[in-house]
Amino acid sequence: DAQAPGSADLLIEHGTVITLDGARRVIEDGAVVVAGGRIVAVGSSAEIAPCWRARKVINALRKAV
């Protein structure tokens, strides 16, 4: 069974995501999900975007996030 998508306020996808985690990861073609004023998911656009439905979606192609 496929899980229903999560609900979010904002999905930023297809950007270069520069994380501030311990590994300082840089995710090419990355995505960030914001819900309730908090970042709730970060990862590649391919793995994150299908799992979320957001009120606003920003295509950040060729942008740093």
PDB file of N, CA and C in Angstrom:
ATOM      1  N   ASP A   1       0.831  -1.192   0.000  1.00  0.00           N
ATOM      2  CA  ASP A   1       0.000   0.000   0.000  1.00  0.00           C
ATOM      3  C   ASP A   1       0.874   1.253   0.000  1.00  0.00           C
ATOM      4  N   ALA A   2       0.519   2.197  -0.839  1.00  0.00           N
ATOM      5  CA  ALA A   2       1.235   3.471  -0.871  1.00  0.00           C
ATOM      6  C   ALA A   2       0.721   4.342   0.260  1.00  0.00           C
ATOM      7  N   GLN A   3       1.629   5.020   0.913  1.00  0.00           N
ATOM      8  CA  GLN A   3       1.263   5.909   2.005  1.00  0.00           C
ATOM      9  C   GLN A   3       0.779   7.237   1.433  1.00  0.00           C
ATOM     10  N   ALA A   4      -0.249   7.820   2.035  1.00  0.00           N
ATOM     11  CA  ALA A   4      -0.766   9.110   1.583  1.00  0.00           C
ATOM     12  C   ALA A   4       0.289  10.185   1.808  1.00  0.00           C
ATOM     13  N   PRO A   5       0.364  11.156   0.899  1.00  0.00           N
ATOM     14  CA  PRO A   5       1.350  12.227   1.058  1.00  0.00           C
ATOM     15  C   PRO A   5       1.093  13.045   2.322  1.00  0.00           C
ATOM     16  N   GLY A   6       2.172  13.551   2.905  1.00  0.00           N
ATOM     17  CA  GLY A   6       2.056  14.436   4.053  1.00  0.00           C
ATOM     18  C   GLY A   6       1.600  15.813   3.599  1.00  0.00           C
ATOM     19  N   SER A   7       1.095  16.596   4.524  1.00  0.00           N
ATOM     20  CA  SER A   7       0.617  17.943   4.227  1.00  0.00           C
ATOM     21  C   SER A   7       1.632  18.958   4.737  1.00  0.00           C
ATOM     22  N   ALA A   8       1.944  19.951   3.903  1.00  0.00           N
ATOM     23  CA  ALA A   8       2.943  20.954   4.269  1.00  0.00           C
ATOM     24  C   ALA A   8       2.508  22.331   3.774  1.00  0.00           C
ATOM     25  N   ASP A   9       3.154  23.342   4.323  1.00  0.00           N
ATOM     26  CA  ASP A   9       2.900  24.712   3.893  1.00  0.00           C
ATOM     27  C   ASP A   9       3.721  25.064   2.657  1.00  0.00           C
ATOM     28  N   LEU A  10       4.963  24.549   2.601  1.00  0.00           N
ATOM     29  CA  LEU A  10       5.891  24.940   1.547  1.00  0.00           C
ATOM     30  C   LEU A  10       6.783  23.776   1.153  1.00  0.00           C
ATOM     31  N   LEU A  11       6.965  23.607  -0.137  1.00  0.00           N
ATOM     32  CA  LEU A  11       7.918  22.639  -0.686  1.00  0.00           C
ATOM     33  C   LEU A  11       8.832  23.401  -1.628  1.00  0.00           C
ATOM     34  N   ILE A  12      10.111  23.388  -1.325  1.00  0.00           N
ATOM     35  CA  ILE A  12      11.117  23.981  -2.210  1.00  0.00           C
ATOM     36  C   ILE A  12      11.838  22.806  -2.840  1.00  0.00           C
ATOM     37  N   GLU A  13      11.814  22.734  -4.180  1.00  0.00           N
ATOM     38  CA  GLU A  13      12.402  21.567  -4.837  1.00  0.00           C
ATOM     39  C   GLU A  13      13.352  21.976  -5.954  1.00  0.00           C
ATOM     40  N   HIS A  14      14.196  21.049  -6.332  1.00  0.00           N
ATOM     41  CA  HIS A  14      15.142  21.169  -7.445  1.00  0.00           C
ATOM     42  C   HIS A  14      16.244  22.193  -7.214  1.00  0.00           C
ATOM     43  N   GLY A  15      16.482  22.571  -5.969  1.00  0.00           N
ATOM     44  CA  GLY A  15      17.559  23.507  -5.668  1.00  0.00           C
ATOM     45  C   GLY A  15      18.790  22.767  -5.167  1.00  0.00           C
ATOM     46  N   THR A  16      19.872  23.508  -4.991  1.00  0.00           N
ATOM     47  CA  THR A  16      21.064  22.967  -4.347  1.00  0.00           C
ATOM     48  C   THR A  16      20.903  23.252  -2.864  1.00  0.00           C
ATOM     49  N   VAL A  17      20.600  22.224  -2.085  1.00  0.00           N
ATOM     50  CA  VAL A  17      20.338  22.387  -0.658  1.00  0.00           C
ATOM     51  C   VAL A  17      21.650  22.281   0.101  1.00  0.00           C
ATOM     52  N   ILE A  18      21.969  23.328   0.832  1.00  0.00           N
ATOM     53  CA  ILE A  18      23.184  23.369   1.651  1.00  0.00           C
ATOM     54  C   ILE A  18      22.735  23.201   3.094  1.00  0.00           C
ATOM     55  N   THR A  19      23.026  22.053   3.674  1.00  0.00           N
ATOM     56  CA  THR A  19      22.554  21.768   5.029  1.00  0.00           C
ATOM     57  C   THR A  19      23.524  22.324   6.063  1.00  0.00           C
ATOM     58  N   LEU A  20      23.012  22.478   7.260  1.00  0.00           N
ATOM     59  CA  LEU A  20      23.844  22.895   8.384  1.00  0.00           C
ATOM     60  C   LEU A  20      23.964  21.748   9.386  1.00  0.00           C
ATOM     61  N   ASP A  21      23.755  20.519   8.885  1.00  0.00           N
ATOM     62  CA  ASP A  21      23.903  19.364   9.767  1.00  0.00           C
ATOM     63  C   ASP A  21      25.384  19.095  10.027  1.00  0.00           C
ATOM     64  N   GLY A  22      25.669  18.136  10.862  1.00  0.00           N
ATOM     65  CA  GLY A  22      27.047  17.829  11.244  1.00  0.00           C
ATOM     66  C   GLY A  22      27.947  17.494  10.072  1.00  0.00           C
ATOM     67  N   ALA A  23      27.388  16.888   9.028  1.00  0.00           N
ATOM     68  CA  ALA A  23      28.175  16.497   7.859  1.00  0.00           C
ATOM     69  C   ALA A  23      28.287  17.621   6.826  1.00  0.00           C
ATOM     70  N   ARG A  24      27.537  18.730   7.043  1.00  0.00           N
ATOM     71  CA  ARG A  24      27.536  19.858   6.088  1.00  0.00           C
ATOM     72  C   ARG A  24      27.251  19.373   4.665  1.00  0.00           C
ATOM     73  N   ARG A  25      26.225  18.506   4.549  1.00  0.00           N
ATOM     74  CA  ARG A  25      25.883  17.944   3.244  1.00  0.00           C
ATOM     75  C   ARG A  25      25.426  19.017   2.267  1.00  0.00           C
ATOM     76  N   VAL A  26      25.742  18.812   1.001  1.00  0.00           N
ATOM     77  CA  VAL A  26      25.221  19.619  -0.099  1.00  0.00           C
ATOM     78  C   VAL A  26      24.468  18.652  -0.995  1.00  0.00           C
ATOM     79  N   ILE A  27      23.177  18.906  -1.177  1.00  0.00           N
ATOM     80  CA  ILE A  27      22.326  17.989  -1.937  1.00  0.00           C
ATOM     81  C   ILE A  27      21.958  18.650  -3.260  1.00  0.00           C
ATOM     82  N   GLU A  28      22.528  18.154  -4.348  1.00  0.00           N
ATOM     83  CA  GLU A  28      22.157  18.637  -5.681  1.00  0.00           C
ATOM     84  C   GLU A  28      20.753  18.150  -5.983  1.00  0.00           C
ATOM     85  N   ASP A  29      19.954  18.946  -6.647  1.00  0.00           N
ATOM     86  CA  ASP A  29      18.551  18.629  -6.926  1.00  0.00           C
ATOM     87  C   ASP A  29      17.853  18.212  -5.640  1.00  0.00           C
ATOM     88  N   GLY A  30      17.986  19.065  -4.634  1.00  0.00           N
ATOM     89  CA  GLY A  30      17.426  18.780  -3.320  1.00  0.00           C
ATOM     90  C   GLY A  30      16.082  19.438  -3.088  1.00  0.00           C
ATOM     91  N   ALA A  31      15.459  19.049  -1.976  1.00  0.00           N
ATOM     92  CA  ALA A  31      14.148  19.578  -1.602  1.00  0.00           C
ATOM     93  C   ALA A  31      14.105  19.821  -0.095  1.00  0.00           C
ATOM     94  N   VAL A  32      13.312  20.829   0.277  1.00  0.00           N
ATOM     95  CA  VAL A  32      13.081  21.164   1.681  1.00  0.00           C
ATOM     96  C   VAL A  32      11.575  21.313   1.866  1.00  0.00           C
ATOM     97  N   VAL A  33      11.052  20.720   2.935  1.00  0.00           N
ATOM     98  CA  VAL A  33       9.623  20.803   3.242  1.00  0.00           C
ATOM     99  C   VAL A  33       9.454  21.567   4.552  1.00  0.00           C
ATOM    100  N   VAL A  34       8.526  22.548   4.534  1.00  0.00           N
ATOM    101  CA  VAL A  34       8.240  23.351   5.722  1.00  0.00           C
ATOM    102  C   VAL A  34       6.770  23.177   6.089  1.00  0.00           C
ATOM    103  N   ALA A  35       6.514  22.883   7.355  1.00  0.00           N
ATOM    104  CA  ALA A  35       5.146  22.770   7.866  1.00  0.00           C
ATOM    105  C   ALA A  35       5.108  23.395   9.256  1.00  0.00           C
ATOM    106  N   GLY A  36       4.132  24.241   9.487  1.00  0.00           N
ATOM    107  CA  GLY A  36       4.008  24.873  10.801  1.00  0.00           C
ATOM    108  C   GLY A  36       5.210  25.700  11.189  1.00  0.00           C
ATOM    109  N   GLY A  37       5.882  26.306  10.203  1.00  0.00           N
ATOM    110  CA  GLY A  37       7.040  27.151  10.483  1.00  0.00           C
ATOM    111  C   GLY A  37       8.326  26.393  10.782  1.00  0.00           C
ATOM    112  N   ARG A  38       8.313  25.079  10.582  1.00  0.00           N
ATOM    113  CA  ARG A  38       9.504  24.264  10.850  1.00  0.00           C
ATOM    114  C   ARG A  38       9.882  23.442   9.633  1.00  0.00           C
ATOM    115  N   ILE A  39      11.176  23.215   9.455  1.00  0.00           N
ATOM    116  CA  ILE A  39      11.652  22.305   8.419  1.00  0.00           C
ATOM    117  C   ILE A  39      11.349  20.893   8.892  1.00  0.00           C
ATOM    118  N   VAL A  40      10.579  20.152   8.092  1.00  0.00           N
ATOM    119  CA  VAL A  40      10.183  18.798   8.507  1.00  0.00           C
ATOM    120  C   VAL A  40      10.817  17.702   7.663  1.00  0.00           C
ATOM    121  N   ALA A  41      11.391  18.065   6.515  1.00  0.00           N
ATOM    122  CA  ALA A  41      12.051  17.057   5.679  1.00  0.00           C
ATOM    123  C   ALA A  41      13.057  17.733   4.756  1.00  0.00           C
ATOM    124  N   VAL A  42      14.166  17.050   4.541  1.00  0.00           N
ATOM    125  CA  VAL A  42      15.221  17.498   3.630  1.00  0.00           C
ATOM    126  C   VAL A  42      15.768  16.267   2.935  1.00  0.00           C
ATOM    127  N   GLY A  43      15.996  16.376   1.631  1.00  0.00           N
ATOM    128  CA  GLY A  43      16.567  15.265   0.889  1.00  0.00           C
ATOM    129  C   GLY A  43      16.546  15.563  -0.591  1.00  0.00           C
ATOM    130  N   SER A  44      16.706  14.536  -1.402  1.00  0.00           N
ATOM    131  CA  SER A  44      16.678  14.751  -2.846  1.00  0.00           C
ATOM    132  C   SER A  44      15.239  15.027  -3.282  1.00  0.00           C
ATOM    133  N   SER A  45      15.081  15.792  -4.341  1.00  0.00           N
ATOM    134  CA  SER A  45      13.740  16.083  -4.861  1.00  0.00           C
ATOM    135  C   SER A  45      13.012  14.796  -5.220  1.00  0.00           C
ATOM    136  N   ALA A  46      13.730  13.829  -5.774  1.00  0.00           N
ATOM    137  CA  ALA A  46      13.117  12.570  -6.196  1.00  0.00           C
ATOM    138  C   ALA A  46      12.512  11.803  -5.031  1.00  0.00           C
ATOM    139  N   GLU A  47      13.140  11.849  -3.855  1.00  0.00           N
ATOM    140  CA  GLU A  47      12.611  11.099  -2.718  1.00  0.00           C
ATOM    141  C   GLU A  47      11.646  11.908  -1.866  1.00  0.00           C
ATOM    142  N   ILE A  48      11.795  13.218  -1.833  1.00  0.00           N
ATOM    143  CA  ILE A  48      10.969  14.054  -0.961  1.00  0.00           C
ATOM    144  C   ILE A  48       9.663  14.501  -1.626  1.00  0.00           C
ATOM    145  N   ALA A  49       9.734  15.053  -2.832  1.00  0.00           N
ATOM    146  CA  ALA A  49       8.564  15.667  -3.476  1.00  0.00           C
ATOM    147  C   ALA A  49       7.347  14.742  -3.591  1.00  0.00           C
ATOM    148  N   PRO A  50       7.500  13.466  -3.959  1.00  0.00           N
ATOM    149  CA  PRO A  50       6.312  12.614  -4.086  1.00  0.00           C
ATOM    150  C   PRO A  50       5.607  12.335  -2.749  1.00  0.00           C
ATOM    151  N   CYS A  51       6.284  12.582  -1.647  1.00  0.00           N
ATOM    152  CA  CYS A  51       5.743  12.250  -0.324  1.00  0.00           C
ATOM    153  C   CYS A  51       4.994  13.392   0.337  1.00  0.00           C
ATOM    154  N   TRP A  52       4.969  14.562  -0.303  1.00  0.00           N
ATOM    155  CA  TRP A  52       4.384  15.748   0.313  1.00  0.00           C
ATOM    156  C   TRP A  52       3.472  16.491  -0.650  1.00  0.00           C
ATOM    157  N   ARG A  53       2.395  17.055  -0.113  1.00  0.00           N
ATOM    158  CA  ARG A  53       1.515  17.976  -0.830  1.00  0.00           C
ATOM    159  C   ARG A  53       1.611  19.305  -0.088  1.00  0.00           C
ATOM    160  N   ALA A  54       2.019  20.346  -0.776  1.00  0.00           N
ATOM    161  CA  ALA A  54       2.210  21.645  -0.127  1.00  0.00           C
ATOM    162  C   ALA A  54       1.291  22.699  -0.740  1.00  0.00           C
ATOM    163  N   ARG A  55       0.901  23.659   0.113  1.00  0.00           N
ATOM    164  CA  ARG A  55       0.072  24.763  -0.367  1.00  0.00           C
ATOM    165  C   ARG A  55       0.842  25.624  -1.372  1.00  0.00           C
ATOM    166  N   LYS A  56       2.162  25.743  -1.181  1.00  0.00           N
ATOM    167  CA  LYS A  56       2.993  26.516  -2.103  1.00  0.00           C
ATOM    168  C   LYS A  56       4.209  25.670  -2.474  1.00  0.00           C
ATOM    169  N   VAL A  57       4.540  25.656  -3.766  1.00  0.00           N
ATOM    170  CA  VAL A  57       5.711  24.927  -4.263  1.00  0.00           C
ATOM    171  C   VAL A  57       6.600  25.914  -4.999  1.00  0.00           C
ATOM    172  N   ILE A  58       7.879  25.913  -4.653  1.00  0.00           N
ATOM    173  CA  ILE A  58       8.857  26.777  -5.313  1.00  0.00           C
ATOM    174  C   ILE A  58       9.852  25.901  -6.057  1.00  0.00           C
ATOM    175  N   ASN A  59      10.034  26.170  -7.344  1.00  0.00           N
ATOM    176  CA  ASN A  59      11.052  25.486  -8.135  1.00  0.00           C
ATOM    177  C   ASN A  59      12.326  26.318  -8.006  1.00  0.00           C
ATOM    178  N   ALA A  60      13.319  25.784  -7.311  1.00  0.00           N
ATOM    179  CA  ALA A  60      14.554  26.505  -7.036  1.00  0.00           C
ATOM    180  C   ALA A  60      15.701  26.052  -7.952  1.00  0.00           C
ATOM    181  N   LEU A  61      15.379  25.613  -9.152  1.00  0.00           N
ATOM    182  CA  LEU A  61      16.390  25.167 -10.091  1.00  0.00           C
ATOM    183  C   LEU A  61      17.480  26.234 -10.253  1.00  0.00           C
ATOM    184  N   ARG A  62      18.731  25.820 -10.141  1.00  0.00           N
ATOM    185  CA  ARG A  62      19.899  26.699 -10.244  1.00  0.00           C
ATOM    186  C   ARG A  62      19.976  27.742  -9.129  1.00  0.00           C
ATOM    187  N   LYS A  63      19.345  27.445  -8.001  1.00  0.00           N
ATOM    188  CA  LYS A  63      19.378  28.334  -6.838  1.00  0.00           C
ATOM    189  C   LYS A  63      19.910  27.561  -5.635  1.00  0.00           C
ATOM    190  N   ALA A  64      20.520  28.283  -4.686  1.00  0.00           N
ATOM    191  CA  ALA A  64      20.948  27.694  -3.427  1.00  0.00           C
ATOM    192  C   ALA A  64      19.804  27.807  -2.429  1.00  0.00           C
ATOM    193  N   VAL A  65      19.622  26.750  -1.673  1.00  0.00           N
ATOM    194  CA  VAL A  65      18.562  26.729  -0.664  1.00  0.00           C
ATOM    195  C   VAL A  65      19.215  26.497   0.683  1.00  0.00           C
TER     196      VAL A  65
END
